[in-house]
Amino acid sequence: MSEGDGPLTEKVRLFFRIGYLGDGYHGSQIQPDVRTVQGELIRVFRSLKWLTGPAEDQLLILSSRTDAGVHVRINGGIVDLERDLWAALSPRKMIRAVDDRLDGTIAFLTVEEVEADFNPRLALHRVYRYRLEAMEYWDEPDHETFRRWLSMFVGTYDARNFARLEEGKNPIRTILDAQPWMDGDRLMGFEIKGEAFLWNQVRRVANALFRLSVGDLQEREVKAAIERPEEPVDFGVAPAQWLVLWGVAWSRAPLPAQGPAAIFSAPPTGRTAERTRKGRWQHAAQHEIKAMLYNEWAELGTLPVVYHRSQ
């Protein structure tokens, strides 16, 4: 292709899905002088000479922004590459090449060609899970009561009292569903599904639920914060390390079902559950979440089998 005096290289848009452990990065979005997930992907693509030239001429963006410490089972993004390069590759070759150069805390799962105007941020919905039982002083509530608490957050409403609202951001959000996250008969936390979330929204919902569980907050106060957003309240922000972006769903890439059953130990309780023991259990709980994600990625990132023709 050519236009005017110089040739133009035809581009192709690729849609990819990734997972990552958030505690090794200063969030997902690229920032100057700190390690981020987007920054690591760009570094690898540049090292492979797949992205060249000025940074402003390159396109590699992610669907959902995550804060430092937040783990991710499935996020997605796009990158524009030269069509000739993509023709010389295959999804299998590309995934292997990228994965070989990434830190083991990022999993490059799938890649496919999409329409030139495909925008990964326009997803069907996003699902988060939060492990409330790992928070200090958690007191497991009656399960039916907990379901009623969750139901308060479902619907379309002004969520500014449960977000760090950025200037110019529309505070109206739709929460499609919220359910307990169970391990057998034990309540671990919750899963929440929405079209899109505001900054810190899930962590603020988590802290409100935690405070309800320990009796530090009343149900009527939470209802008022939802129904009367013009009256500012701040219920606090739960820690990032117990939050997992379980997945982002698109019409072309629905959210896969959970893979192999994960093992989650119960938090220590009773008179022996003093600070030192609880702290060690919390370290173990973090490893349990990471093990779950590595097992999920092993299933989600299964490469297509390539059969070689006999000579």
C-alpha atoms as a PDB file:
ATOM      1  CA  MET A   1       0.000   0.000   0.000  1.00  0.00           C
ATOM      2  CA  SER A   2       1.167   3.552  -0.634  1.00  0.00           C
ATOM      3  CA  GLU A   3      -0.190   7.031  -0.273  1.00  0.00           C
ATOM      4  CA  GLY A   4       1.463  10.256  -1.328  1.00  0.00           C
ATOM      5  CA  ASP A   5       5.263  10.061  -1.495  1.00  0.00           C
ATOM      6  CA  GLY A   6       5.904   7.205   0.938  1.00  0.00           C
ATOM      7  CA  PRO A   7       4.678   3.653   1.469  1.00  0.00           C
ATOM      8  CA  LEU A   8       2.260   2.821   4.270  1.00  0.00           C
ATOM      9  CA  THR A   9       2.510  -0.539   5.996  1.00  0.00           C
ATOM     10  CA  GLU A  10      -0.829  -2.264   6.360  1.00  0.00           C
ATOM     11  CA  LYS A  11      -1.715  -3.026   9.960  1.00  0.00           C
ATOM     12  CA  VAL A  12      -3.763  -5.760  11.545  1.00  0.00           C
ATOM     13  CA  ARG A  13      -5.480  -5.545  14.954  1.00  0.00           C
ATOM     14  CA  LEU A  14      -4.926  -8.451  17.318  1.00  0.00           C
ATOM     15  CA  PHE A  15      -7.018  -9.199  20.381  1.00  0.00           C
ATOM     16  CA  PHE A  16      -5.216 -11.013  23.191  1.00  0.00           C
ATOM     17  CA  ARG A  17      -6.103 -12.231  26.682  1.00  0.00           C
ATOM     18  CA  ILE A  18      -3.716 -12.262  29.618  1.00  0.00           C
ATOM     19  CA  GLY A  19      -3.592 -13.013  33.331  1.00  0.00           C
ATOM     20  CA  TYR A  20      -1.154 -11.703  35.924  1.00  0.00           C
ATOM     21  CA  LEU A  21      -0.207 -11.492  39.589  1.00  0.00           C
ATOM     22  CA  GLY A  22      -0.642  -7.904  40.686  1.00  0.00           C
ATOM     23  CA  ASP A  23       1.780  -7.770  43.605  1.00  0.00           C
ATOM     24  CA  GLY A  24       4.797  -7.426  41.302  1.00  0.00           C
ATOM     25  CA  TYR A  25       3.474  -4.392  39.413  1.00  0.00           C
ATOM     26  CA  HIS A  26       2.411  -0.805  40.050  1.00  0.00           C
ATOM     27  CA  GLY A  27      -0.938  -1.522  38.433  1.00  0.00           C
ATOM     28  CA  SER A  28      -1.814  -2.445  34.860  1.00  0.00           C
ATOM     29  CA  GLN A  29      -1.664   0.898  33.031  1.00  0.00           C
ATOM     30  CA  ILE A  30       1.712   2.199  31.891  1.00  0.00           C
ATOM     31  CA  GLN A  31       3.317   4.827  34.144  1.00  0.00           C
ATOM     32  CA  PRO A  32       6.720   6.539  33.970  1.00  0.00           C
ATOM     33  CA  ASP A  33       9.600   4.958  35.912  1.00  0.00           C
ATOM     34  CA  VAL A  34       7.615   2.086  37.495  1.00  0.00           C
ATOM     35  CA  ARG A  35       6.932  -1.500  36.450  1.00  0.00           C
ATOM     36  CA  THR A  36       3.428  -2.073  35.071  1.00  0.00           C
ATOM     37  CA  VAL A  37       1.732  -4.884  33.138  1.00  0.00           C
ATOM     38  CA  GLN A  38       1.145  -2.771  30.031  1.00  0.00           C
ATOM     39  CA  GLY A  39       4.734  -1.548  30.212  1.00  0.00           C
ATOM     40  CA  GLU A  40       6.065  -5.118  30.367  1.00  0.00           C
ATOM     41  CA  LEU A  41       4.017  -6.154  27.339  1.00  0.00           C
ATOM     42  CA  ILE A  42       5.285  -3.184  25.337  1.00  0.00           C
ATOM     43  CA  ARG A  43       8.863  -3.981  26.416  1.00  0.00           C
ATOM     44  CA  VAL A  44       8.527  -7.561  25.138  1.00  0.00           C
ATOM     45  CA  PHE A  45       6.893  -6.560  21.850  1.00  0.00           C
ATOM     46  CA  ARG A  46       9.649  -4.001  21.261  1.00  0.00           C
ATOM     47  CA  SER A  47      12.370  -6.549  22.096  1.00  0.00           C
ATOM     48  CA  LEU A  48      10.862  -8.819  19.428  1.00  0.00           C
ATOM     49  CA  LYS A  49      10.929  -5.873  16.968  1.00  0.00           C
ATOM     50  CA  TRP A  50       7.148  -6.164  16.605  1.00  0.00           C
ATOM     51  CA  LEU A  51       6.633  -2.595  17.801  1.00  0.00           C
ATOM     52  CA  THR A  52       9.040  -0.085  16.308  1.00  0.00           C
ATOM     53  CA  GLY A  53       9.304   3.645  15.921  1.00  0.00           C
ATOM     54  CA  PRO A  54       8.014   6.377  18.256  1.00  0.00           C
ATOM     55  CA  ALA A  55       5.889   5.297  21.205  1.00  0.00           C
ATOM     56  CA  GLU A  56       3.041   7.590  20.097  1.00  0.00           C
ATOM     57  CA  ASP A  57       2.756   5.579  16.855  1.00  0.00           C
ATOM     58  CA  GLN A  58       2.325   2.269  18.708  1.00  0.00           C
ATOM     59  CA  LEU A  59      -0.948   0.851  19.971  1.00  0.00           C
ATOM     60  CA  LEU A  60      -1.151  -1.681  22.783  1.00  0.00           C
ATOM     61  CA  ILE A  61      -3.934  -1.137  25.315  1.00  0.00           C
ATOM     62  CA  LEU A  62      -5.686  -3.227  27.974  1.00  0.00           C
ATOM     63  CA  SER A  63      -9.397  -3.600  28.612  1.00  0.00           C
ATOM     64  CA  SER A  64      -9.598  -3.119  32.384  1.00  0.00           C
ATOM     65  CA  ARG A  65      -7.378  -1.056  34.661  1.00  0.00           C
ATOM     66  CA  THR A  66      -6.249  -2.750  37.868  1.00  0.00           C
ATOM     67  CA  ASP A  67      -4.430  -1.308  40.882  1.00  0.00           C
ATOM     68  CA  ALA A  68      -1.140  -2.522  42.339  1.00  0.00           C
ATOM     69  CA  GLY A  69      -1.643  -5.791  44.202  1.00  0.00           C
ATOM     70  CA  VAL A  70      -4.806  -6.862  42.364  1.00  0.00           C
ATOM     71  CA  HIS A  71      -4.481 -10.297  40.748  1.00  0.00           C
ATOM     72  CA  VAL A  72      -6.096 -11.067  37.384  1.00  0.00           C
ATOM     73  CA  ARG A  73      -7.375 -14.335  35.970  1.00  0.00           C
ATOM     74  CA  ILE A  74      -8.417 -12.846  32.596  1.00  0.00           C
ATOM     75  CA  ASN A  75      -7.917  -9.356  31.212  1.00  0.00           C
ATOM     76  CA  GLY A  76      -7.712  -8.509  27.548  1.00  0.00           C
ATOM     77  CA  GLY A  77      -6.224  -6.020  25.158  1.00  0.00           C
ATOM     78  CA  ILE A  78      -5.327  -5.162  21.602  1.00  0.00           C
ATOM     79  CA  VAL A  79      -2.148  -4.514  19.687  1.00  0.00           C
ATOM     80  CA  ASP A  80      -1.719  -3.299  16.103  1.00  0.00           C
ATOM     81  CA  LEU A  81       1.038  -5.092  14.167  1.00  0.00           C
ATOM     82  CA  GLU A  82       2.152  -5.187  10.550  1.00  0.00           C
ATOM     83  CA  ARG A  83       0.024  -7.562   8.502  1.00  0.00           C
ATOM     84  CA  ASP A  84       3.068  -9.224   6.915  1.00  0.00           C
ATOM     85  CA  LEU A  85       4.433  -9.992  10.380  1.00  0.00           C
ATOM     86  CA  TRP A  86       1.155 -11.533  11.535  1.00  0.00           C
ATOM     87  CA  ALA A  87       0.982 -13.614   8.339  1.00  0.00           C
ATOM     88  CA  ALA A  88       4.433 -15.026   9.126  1.00  0.00           C
ATOM     89  CA  LEU A  89       3.406 -15.914  12.658  1.00  0.00           C
ATOM     90  CA  SER A  90       0.622 -18.080  14.073  1.00  0.00           C
ATOM     91  CA  PRO A  91      -1.195 -17.784  17.405  1.00  0.00           C
ATOM     92  CA  ARG A  92       0.941 -20.640  18.714  1.00  0.00           C
ATOM     93  CA  LYS A  93       4.250 -19.044  17.661  1.00  0.00           C
ATOM     94  CA  MET A  94       3.241 -15.627  18.931  1.00  0.00           C
ATOM     95  CA  ILE A  95       2.098 -16.898  22.332  1.00  0.00           C
ATOM     96  CA  ARG A  96       5.301 -18.890  22.784  1.00  0.00           C
ATOM     97  CA  ALA A  97       7.520 -15.991  21.752  1.00  0.00           C
ATOM     98  CA  VAL A  98       5.811 -13.529  24.086  1.00  0.00           C
ATOM     99  CA  ASP A  99       5.532 -15.950  26.987  1.00  0.00           C
ATOM    100  CA  ASP A 100       9.246 -16.843  26.739  1.00  0.00           C
ATOM    101  CA  ARG A 101      10.194 -13.190  27.316  1.00  0.00           C
ATOM    102  CA  LEU A 102       7.632 -12.272  29.945  1.00  0.00           C
ATOM    103  CA  ASP A 103       8.112 -12.637  33.664  1.00  0.00           C
ATOM    104  CA  GLY A 104       6.357 -15.762  34.956  1.00  0.00           C
ATOM    105  CA  THR A 105       3.868 -13.547  36.789  1.00  0.00           C
ATOM    106  CA  ILE A 106       2.205 -12.629  33.473  1.00  0.00           C
ATOM    107  CA  ALA A 107       0.507 -15.262  31.324  1.00  0.00           C
ATOM    108  CA  PHE A 108      -0.115 -14.464  27.646  1.00  0.00           C
ATOM    109  CA  LEU A 109      -3.089 -16.750  27.021  1.00  0.00           C
ATOM    110  CA  THR A 110      -4.726 -16.288  23.606  1.00  0.00           C
ATOM    111  CA  VAL A 111      -4.469 -14.111  20.516  1.00  0.00           C
ATOM    112  CA  GLU A 112      -6.612 -13.687  17.392  1.00  0.00           C
ATOM    113  CA  GLU A 113      -7.204 -11.215  14.567  1.00  0.00           C
ATOM    114  CA  VAL A 114     -10.185  -8.874  15.020  1.00  0.00           C
ATOM    115  CA  GLU A 115     -11.858  -6.013  13.180  1.00  0.00           C
ATOM    116  CA  ALA A 116      -9.813  -2.824  12.816  1.00  0.00           C
ATOM    117  CA  ASP A 117     -12.219  -0.892  15.057  1.00  0.00           C
ATOM    118  CA  PHE A 118     -12.484  -3.499  17.833  1.00  0.00           C
ATOM    119  CA  ASN A 119     -12.270  -1.827  21.263  1.00  0.00           C
ATOM    120  CA  PRO A 120     -11.512  -4.211  24.175  1.00  0.00           C
ATOM    121  CA  ARG A 121     -12.818  -1.710  26.722  1.00  0.00           C
ATOM    122  CA  LEU A 122     -16.346  -2.188  25.362  1.00  0.00           C
ATOM    123  CA  ALA A 123     -16.849  -5.523  27.102  1.00  0.00           C
ATOM    124  CA  LEU A 124     -20.120  -7.277  27.957  1.00  0.00           C
ATOM    125  CA  HIS A 125     -19.261  -7.410  31.645  1.00  0.00           C
ATOM    126  CA  ARG A 126     -16.519  -7.827  34.219  1.00  0.00           C
ATOM    127  CA  VAL A 127     -16.430 -10.198  37.197  1.00  0.00           C
ATOM    128  CA  TYR A 128     -14.448  -9.704  40.401  1.00  0.00           C
ATOM    129  CA  ARG A 129     -13.946 -11.925  43.437  1.00  0.00           C
ATOM    130  CA  TYR A 130     -12.908 -10.732  46.872  1.00  0.00           C
ATOM    131  CA  ARG A 131     -11.668 -13.023  49.679  1.00  0.00           C
ATOM    132  CA  LEU A 132     -13.180 -11.290  52.713  1.00  0.00           C
ATOM    133  CA  GLU A 133     -12.209 -14.057  55.146  1.00  0.00           C
ATOM    134  CA  ALA A 134      -8.552 -13.044  54.797  1.00  0.00           C
ATOM    135  CA  MET A 135      -9.145  -9.629  56.349  1.00  0.00           C
ATOM    136  CA  GLU A 136      -8.157  -9.127  59.989  1.00  0.00           C
ATOM    137  CA  TYR A 137     -11.070  -9.661  62.445  1.00  0.00           C
ATOM    138  CA  TRP A 138     -13.438 -11.081  59.800  1.00  0.00           C
ATOM    139  CA  ASP A 139     -16.506 -12.601  61.443  1.00  0.00           C
ATOM    140  CA  GLU A 140     -18.446 -14.920  59.113  1.00  0.00           C
ATOM    141  CA  PRO A 141     -22.086 -13.777  59.077  1.00  0.00           C
ATOM    142  CA  ASP A 142     -25.232 -15.803  58.552  1.00  0.00           C
ATOM    143  CA  HIS A 143     -25.261 -16.729  54.878  1.00  0.00           C
ATOM    144  CA  GLU A 144     -28.796 -15.543  54.159  1.00  0.00           C
ATOM    145  CA  THR A 145     -28.026 -12.221  55.818  1.00  0.00           C
ATOM    146  CA  PHE A 146     -24.901 -11.928  53.679  1.00  0.00           C
ATOM    147  CA  ARG A 147     -26.937 -12.581  50.525  1.00  0.00           C
ATOM    148  CA  ARG A 148     -29.290  -9.779  51.541  1.00  0.00           C
ATOM    149  CA  TRP A 149     -26.341  -7.423  52.004  1.00  0.00           C
ATOM    150  CA  LEU A 150     -25.052  -8.310  48.540  1.00  0.00           C
ATOM    151  CA  SER A 151     -28.459  -7.691  46.975  1.00  0.00           C
ATOM    152  CA  MET A 152     -28.253  -4.029  48.073  1.00  0.00           C
ATOM    153  CA  PHE A 153     -25.466  -3.454  45.561  1.00  0.00           C
ATOM    154  CA  VAL A 154     -27.280  -4.967  42.540  1.00  0.00           C
ATOM    155  CA  GLY A 155     -28.933  -2.563  40.096  1.00  0.00           C
ATOM    156  CA  THR A 156     -28.229   0.683  38.261  1.00  0.00           C
ATOM    157  CA  TYR A 157     -27.404   3.616  40.520  1.00  0.00           C
ATOM    158  CA  ASP A 158     -25.032   6.483  41.281  1.00  0.00           C
ATOM    159  CA  ALA A 159     -22.076   4.679  42.932  1.00  0.00           C
ATOM    160  CA  ARG A 160     -19.976   7.711  43.878  1.00  0.00           C
ATOM    161  CA  ASN A 161     -20.065   6.768  47.583  1.00  0.00           C
ATOM    162  CA  PHE A 162     -18.370   3.484  46.671  1.00  0.00           C
ATOM    163  CA  ALA A 163     -15.640   4.793  44.408  1.00  0.00           C
ATOM    164  CA  ARG A 164     -12.688   7.092  44.058  1.00  0.00           C
ATOM    165  CA  LEU A 165     -14.469   9.215  41.493  1.00  0.00           C
ATOM    166  CA  GLU A 166     -12.272  10.692  38.778  1.00  0.00           C
ATOM    167  CA  GLU A 167     -13.077  14.094  37.345  1.00  0.00           C
ATOM    168  CA  GLY A 168     -15.512  13.887  34.449  1.00  0.00           C
ATOM    169  CA  LYS A 169     -16.350  10.235  35.133  1.00  0.00           C
ATOM    170  CA  ASN A 170     -19.993   9.175  34.996  1.00  0.00           C
ATOM    171  CA  PRO A 171     -20.829   7.722  38.454  1.00  0.00           C
ATOM    172  CA  ILE A 172     -23.840   5.740  37.200  1.00  0.00           C
ATOM    173  CA  ARG A 173     -22.976   2.042  37.164  1.00  0.00           C
ATOM    174  CA  THR A 174     -24.923  -1.184  36.623  1.00  0.00           C
ATOM    175  CA  ILE A 175     -24.196  -4.158  38.875  1.00  0.00           C
ATOM    176  CA  LEU A 176     -25.703  -7.244  37.251  1.00  0.00           C
ATOM    177  CA  ASP A 177     -25.218  -9.740  40.062  1.00  0.00           C
ATOM    178  CA  ALA A 178     -23.512 -10.306  43.416  1.00  0.00           C
ATOM    179  CA  GLN A 179     -23.185 -13.729  45.035  1.00  0.00           C
ATOM    180  CA  PRO A 180     -21.312 -15.298  47.965  1.00  0.00           C
ATOM    181  CA  TRP A 181     -17.969 -16.921  47.131  1.00  0.00           C
ATOM    182  CA  MET A 182     -18.168 -20.265  48.902  1.00  0.00           C
ATOM    183  CA  ASP A 183     -15.763 -23.093  49.669  1.00  0.00           C
ATOM    184  CA  GLY A 184     -18.167 -25.890  50.508  1.00  0.00           C
ATOM    185  CA  ASP A 185     -20.180 -24.584  53.454  1.00  0.00           C
ATOM    186  CA  ARG A 186     -17.661 -21.854  54.298  1.00  0.00           C
ATOM    187  CA  LEU A 187     -18.229 -18.254  53.196  1.00  0.00           C
ATOM    188  CA  MET A 188     -14.949 -16.976  51.737  1.00  0.00           C
ATOM    189  CA  GLY A 189     -16.088 -13.702  50.236  1.00  0.00           C
ATOM    190  CA  PHE A 190     -18.143 -12.567  47.269  1.00  0.00           C
ATOM    191  CA  GLU A 191     -18.291 -12.430  43.490  1.00  0.00           C
ATOM    192  CA  ILE A 192     -19.680  -9.334  41.777  1.00  0.00           C
ATOM    193  CA  LYS A 193     -20.527  -8.832  38.093  1.00  0.00           C
ATOM    194  CA  GLY A 194     -20.998  -5.466  36.410  1.00  0.00           C
ATOM    195  CA  GLU A 195     -20.838  -3.841  33.005  1.00  0.00           C
ATOM    196  CA  ALA A 196     -17.982  -1.610  34.189  1.00  0.00           C
ATOM    197  CA  PHE A 197     -16.676  -0.488  37.567  1.00  0.00           C
ATOM    198  CA  LEU A 198     -15.416   2.798  38.953  1.00  0.00           C
ATOM    199  CA  TRP A 199     -11.950   3.156  40.471  1.00  0.00           C
ATOM    200  CA  ASN A 200     -11.822   1.291  43.830  1.00  0.00           C
ATOM    201  CA  GLN A 201     -15.522   0.392  43.582  1.00  0.00           C
ATOM    202  CA  VAL A 202     -15.192  -3.324  44.372  1.00  0.00           C
ATOM    203  CA  ARG A 203     -12.721  -2.707  47.212  1.00  0.00           C
ATOM    204  CA  ARG A 204     -15.093  -0.143  48.766  1.00  0.00           C
ATOM    205  CA  VAL A 205     -18.008  -2.558  48.476  1.00  0.00           C
ATOM    206  CA  ALA A 206     -15.767  -5.181  50.113  1.00  0.00           C
ATOM    207  CA  ASN A 207     -14.950  -2.902  53.034  1.00  0.00           C
ATOM    208  CA  ALA A 208     -18.613  -2.065  53.569  1.00  0.00           C
ATOM    209  CA  LEU A 209     -19.443  -5.797  53.660  1.00  0.00           C
ATOM    210  CA  PHE A 210     -16.560  -6.433  56.061  1.00  0.00           C
ATOM    211  CA  ARG A 211     -17.734  -3.670  58.408  1.00  0.00           C
ATOM    212  CA  LEU A 212     -21.264  -5.050  58.276  1.00  0.00           C
ATOM    213  CA  SER A 213     -19.897  -8.471  59.262  1.00  0.00           C
ATOM    214  CA  VAL A 214     -18.077  -7.160  62.349  1.00  0.00           C
ATOM    215  CA  GLY A 215     -20.979  -4.933  63.417  1.00  0.00           C
ATOM    216  CA  ASP A 216     -19.157  -1.679  62.707  1.00  0.00           C
ATOM    217  CA  LEU A 217     -21.761  -0.618  60.135  1.00  0.00           C
ATOM    218  CA  GLN A 218     -25.522  -0.908  59.882  1.00  0.00           C
ATOM    219  CA  GLU A 219     -27.455  -2.083  56.834  1.00  0.00           C
ATOM    220  CA  ARG A 220     -29.509   1.145  56.782  1.00  0.00           C
ATOM    221  CA  GLU A 221     -26.288   3.172  56.467  1.00  0.00           C
ATOM    222  CA  VAL A 222     -25.253   1.257  53.365  1.00  0.00           C
ATOM    223  CA  LYS A 223     -28.717   1.628  51.825  1.00  0.00           C
ATOM    224  CA  ALA A 224     -28.628   5.369  52.469  1.00  0.00           C
ATOM    225  CA  ALA A 225     -25.203   5.661  50.807  1.00  0.00           C
ATOM    226  CA  ILE A 226     -26.647   4.021  47.687  1.00  0.00           C
ATOM    227  CA  GLU A 227     -29.994   5.813  47.661  1.00  0.00           C
ATOM    228  CA  ARG A 228     -28.659   9.265  48.590  1.00  0.00           C
ATOM    229  CA  PRO A 229     -25.346   9.666  46.720  1.00  0.00           C
ATOM    230  CA  GLU A 230     -25.464  13.463  47.146  1.00  0.00           C
ATOM    231  CA  GLU A 231     -24.703  12.908  50.845  1.00  0.00           C
ATOM    232  CA  PRO A 232     -21.011  11.915  50.906  1.00  0.00           C
ATOM    233  CA  VAL A 233     -19.912   8.972  53.056  1.00  0.00           C
ATOM    234  CA  ASP A 234     -16.680   6.988  53.150  1.00  0.00           C
ATOM    235  CA  PHE A 235     -16.771   3.390  54.374  1.00  0.00           C
ATOM    236  CA  GLY A 236     -13.079   2.840  53.574  1.00  0.00           C
ATOM    237  CA  VAL A 237     -11.177   0.731  51.057  1.00  0.00           C
ATOM    238  CA  ALA A 238     -10.377  -2.959  51.552  1.00  0.00           C
ATOM    239  CA  PRO A 239      -6.806  -4.178  50.846  1.00  0.00           C
ATOM    240  CA  ALA A 240      -5.910  -4.857  47.209  1.00  0.00           C
ATOM    241  CA  GLN A 241      -4.220  -8.232  47.723  1.00  0.00           C
ATOM    242  CA  TRP A 242      -7.484 -10.147  48.287  1.00  0.00           C
ATOM    243  CA  LEU A 243      -9.114  -8.861  45.099  1.00  0.00           C
ATOM    244  CA  VAL A 244      -9.097 -10.896  41.868  1.00  0.00           C
ATOM    245  CA  LEU A 245     -10.348  -9.680  38.506  1.00  0.00           C
ATOM    246  CA  TRP A 246     -11.889 -13.048  37.692  1.00  0.00           C
ATOM    247  CA  GLY A 247     -12.498 -12.139  34.099  1.00  0.00           C
ATOM    248  CA  VAL A 248     -13.698  -9.830  31.358  1.00  0.00           C
ATOM    249  CA  ALA A 249     -16.291 -11.132  28.883  1.00  0.00           C
ATOM    250  CA  TRP A 250     -16.769 -10.071  25.263  1.00  0.00           C
ATOM    251  CA  SER A 251     -19.303 -11.331  22.722  1.00  0.00           C
ATOM    252  CA  ARG A 252     -16.462 -13.002  20.824  1.00  0.00           C
ATOM    253  CA  ALA A 253     -14.814 -14.337  23.997  1.00  0.00           C
ATOM    254  CA  PRO A 254     -17.244 -15.345  26.758  1.00  0.00           C
ATOM    255  CA  LEU A 255     -15.911 -15.859  30.255  1.00  0.00           C
ATOM    256  CA  PRO A 256     -14.693 -19.460  30.598  1.00  0.00           C
ATOM    257  CA  ALA A 257     -15.974 -21.631  33.439  1.00  0.00           C
ATOM    258  CA  GLN A 258     -13.721 -22.210  36.427  1.00  0.00           C
ATOM    259  CA  GLY A 259     -11.093 -24.879  35.906  1.00  0.00           C
ATOM    260  CA  PRO A 260      -9.692 -27.375  38.415  1.00  0.00           C
ATOM    261  CA  ALA A 261     -11.011 -27.080  41.966  1.00  0.00           C
ATOM    262  CA  ALA A 262      -8.755 -24.880  44.096  1.00  0.00           C
ATOM    263  CA  ILE A 263      -7.753 -25.607  47.685  1.00  0.00           C
ATOM    264  CA  PHE A 264      -8.447 -22.854  50.218  1.00  0.00           C
ATOM    265  CA  SER A 265      -7.606 -23.369  53.863  1.00  0.00           C
ATOM    266  CA  ALA A 266      -9.910 -21.903  56.496  1.00  0.00           C
ATOM    267  CA  PRO A 267      -8.609 -18.995  58.591  1.00  0.00           C
ATOM    268  CA  PRO A 268      -7.605 -19.846  62.172  1.00  0.00           C
ATOM    269  CA  THR A 269     -10.296 -19.203  64.763  1.00  0.00           C
ATOM    270  CA  GLY A 270     -10.695 -19.397  68.511  1.00  0.00           C
ATOM    271  CA  ARG A 271      -8.205 -18.637  71.274  1.00  0.00           C
ATOM    272  CA  THR A 272      -5.220 -19.911  69.239  1.00  0.00           C
ATOM    273  CA  ALA A 273      -5.870 -17.470  66.386  1.00  0.00           C
ATOM    274  CA  GLU A 274      -3.449 -14.832  67.643  1.00  0.00           C
ATOM    275  CA  ARG A 275      -1.686 -12.308  65.408  1.00  0.00           C
ATOM    276  CA  THR A 276       1.387 -14.372  64.507  1.00  0.00           C
ATOM    277  CA  ARG A 277      -0.593 -17.426  63.474  1.00  0.00           C
ATOM    278  CA  LYS A 278      -3.123 -15.331  61.533  1.00  0.00           C
ATOM    279  CA  GLY A 279      -0.281 -13.522  59.735  1.00  0.00           C
ATOM    280  CA  ARG A 280       1.251 -16.812  58.620  1.00  0.00           C
ATOM    281  CA  TRP A 281      -2.127 -18.060  57.450  1.00  0.00           C
ATOM    282  CA  GLN A 282      -2.569 -14.862  55.419  1.00  0.00           C
ATOM    283  CA  HIS A 283       0.743 -15.559  53.645  1.00  0.00           C
ATOM    284  CA  ALA A 284      -0.499 -19.065  52.876  1.00  0.00           C
ATOM    285  CA  ALA A 285      -3.833 -17.653  51.668  1.00  0.00           C
ATOM    286  CA  GLN A 286      -2.009 -15.419  49.179  1.00  0.00           C
ATOM    287  CA  HIS A 287      -0.154 -18.459  47.805  1.00  0.00           C
ATOM    288  CA  GLU A 288      -3.466 -20.312  47.503  1.00  0.00           C
ATOM    289  CA  ILE A 289      -4.883 -17.548  45.302  1.00  0.00           C
ATOM    290  CA  LYS A 290      -1.748 -17.569  43.163  1.00  0.00           C
ATOM    291  CA  ALA A 291      -1.814 -21.358  42.821  1.00  0.00           C
ATOM    292  CA  MET A 292      -5.444 -21.148  41.725  1.00  0.00           C
ATOM    293  CA  LEU A 293      -4.533 -18.617  39.041  1.00  0.00           C
ATOM    294  CA  TYR A 294      -1.560 -20.603  37.707  1.00  0.00           C
ATOM    295  CA  ASN A 295      -3.824 -23.647  37.378  1.00  0.00           C
ATOM    296  CA  GLU A 296      -6.473 -21.549  35.624  1.00  0.00           C
ATOM    297  CA  TRP A 297      -3.896 -20.164  33.186  1.00  0.00           C
ATOM    298  CA  ALA A 298      -2.596 -23.664  32.464  1.00  0.00           C
ATOM    299  CA  GLU A 299      -6.093 -24.568  31.230  1.00  0.00           C
ATOM    300  CA  LEU A 300      -7.010 -21.267  29.579  1.00  0.00           C
ATOM    301  CA  GLY A 301      -3.712 -20.981  27.730  1.00  0.00           C
ATOM    302  CA  THR A 302      -3.707 -24.469  26.211  1.00  0.00           C
ATOM    303  CA  LEU A 303      -2.085 -24.080  22.791  1.00  0.00           C
ATOM    304  CA  PRO A 304      -3.637 -25.620  19.676  1.00  0.00           C
ATOM    305  CA  VAL A 305      -2.092 -28.907  18.638  1.00  0.00           C
ATOM    306  CA  VAL A 306      -0.042 -28.620  15.445  1.00  0.00           C
ATOM    307  CA  TYR A 307       0.303 -31.756  13.349  1.00  0.00           C
ATOM    308  CA  HIS A 308       3.426 -31.945  11.168  1.00  0.00           C
ATOM    309  CA  ARG A 309       3.139 -33.499   7.765  1.00  0.00           C
ATOM    310  CA  SER A 310       5.222 -36.676   7.349  1.00  0.00           C
ATOM    311  CA  GLN A 311       8.102 -36.425   4.925  1.00  0.00           C
END
